[in-house]
Amino acid sequence: MEYAKDEVFRIRYNTNLNRLQIGHERWTSRLLNTMKRHKLITTTVIAFIMFSTVNIIMIYSFIKILQSV
């Protein structure tokens, strides 16, 4: 029953084409739905990006310290 409710509310009437039309999902909503479904992969990717950024910042500051010596 929940599936039927979701599908009914996505249908819109297009006055230019004079017919009913199913609304299309935007890429952001598809991305958010995928992130909600795959929480472990999302957490892993976010942690990887965060640690990579911290690593680059630390390497950069270490190189700056070596240049000043």
Protein backbone atom coordinates (compact mmCIF):
# COMPACT_ATOMS: atom_id res chain seq x y z
CA MET A 1 0.00 0.00 0.00
CA GLU A 2 2.85 2.38 0.74
CA TYR A 3 4.27 1.78 -2.73
CA ALA A 4 0.96 2.78 -4.33
CA LYS A 5 0.83 6.02 -2.32
CA ASP A 6 4.36 6.95 -3.38
CA GLU A 7 3.62 6.36 -7.05
CA VAL A 8 0.33 8.32 -7.01
CA PHE A 9 1.91 11.47 -5.60
CA ARG A 10 4.69 11.51 -8.21
CA ILE A 11 2.24 11.87 -11.15
CA ARG A 12 1.66 15.41 -12.39
CA TYR A 13 -0.51 16.89 -15.11
CA ASN A 14 1.43 18.58 -17.93
CA THR A 15 -0.72 21.32 -19.46
CA ASN A 16 1.59 21.84 -22.45
CA LEU A 17 1.37 18.20 -23.55
CA ASN A 18 -2.21 17.77 -22.23
CA ARG A 19 -1.46 14.53 -20.42
CA LEU A 20 -0.34 13.07 -17.12
CA GLN A 21 3.37 12.77 -16.60
CA ILE A 22 5.47 10.99 -13.99
CA GLY A 23 7.94 13.34 -12.29
CA HIS A 24 11.63 12.66 -12.77
CA GLU A 25 14.03 12.41 -9.88
CA ARG A 26 16.87 14.84 -9.75
CA TRP A 27 20.43 13.57 -9.45
CA THR A 28 20.75 14.97 -5.92
CA SER A 29 17.74 13.04 -4.66
CA ARG A 30 19.05 9.86 -6.30
CA LEU A 31 22.43 10.45 -4.64
CA LEU A 32 20.84 10.97 -1.23
CA ASN A 33 18.74 7.82 -1.60
CA THR A 34 21.85 5.84 -2.55
CA MET A 35 23.73 7.25 0.43
CA LYS A 36 20.88 6.25 2.75
CA ARG A 37 20.86 2.71 1.36
CA HIS A 38 24.64 2.19 1.49
CA LYS A 39 25.67 3.72 4.80
CA LEU A 40 28.86 1.66 5.24
CA ILE A 41 30.22 2.59 1.82
CA THR A 42 29.30 6.25 2.35
CA THR A 43 31.02 6.33 5.75
CA THR A 44 34.12 4.67 4.31
CA VAL A 45 34.36 7.12 1.40
CA ILE A 46 33.89 10.15 3.67
CA ALA A 47 36.54 8.86 6.10
CA PHE A 48 38.96 8.22 3.21
CA ILE A 49 38.49 11.74 1.85
CA MET A 50 38.88 13.26 5.32
CA PHE A 51 42.08 11.32 6.14
CA SER A 52 43.55 12.02 2.70
CA THR A 53 42.96 15.74 3.17
CA VAL A 54 44.56 15.69 6.63
CA ASN A 55 47.51 13.73 5.23
CA ILE A 56 48.08 16.26 2.43
CA ILE A 57 47.92 19.15 4.90
CA MET A 58 50.42 17.45 7.21
CA ILE A 59 52.83 16.72 4.33
CA TYR A 60 52.56 20.32 3.15
CA SER A 61 53.31 21.71 6.61
CA PHE A 62 56.25 19.28 7.01
CA ILE A 63 57.71 20.46 3.70
CA LYS A 64 57.31 24.09 4.83
CA ILE A 65 59.19 23.27 8.07
CA LEU A 66 61.99 21.59 6.09
CA GLN A 67 62.30 24.60 3.78
CA SER A 68 62.67 27.00 6.70
CA VAL A 69 65.57 25.02 8.19
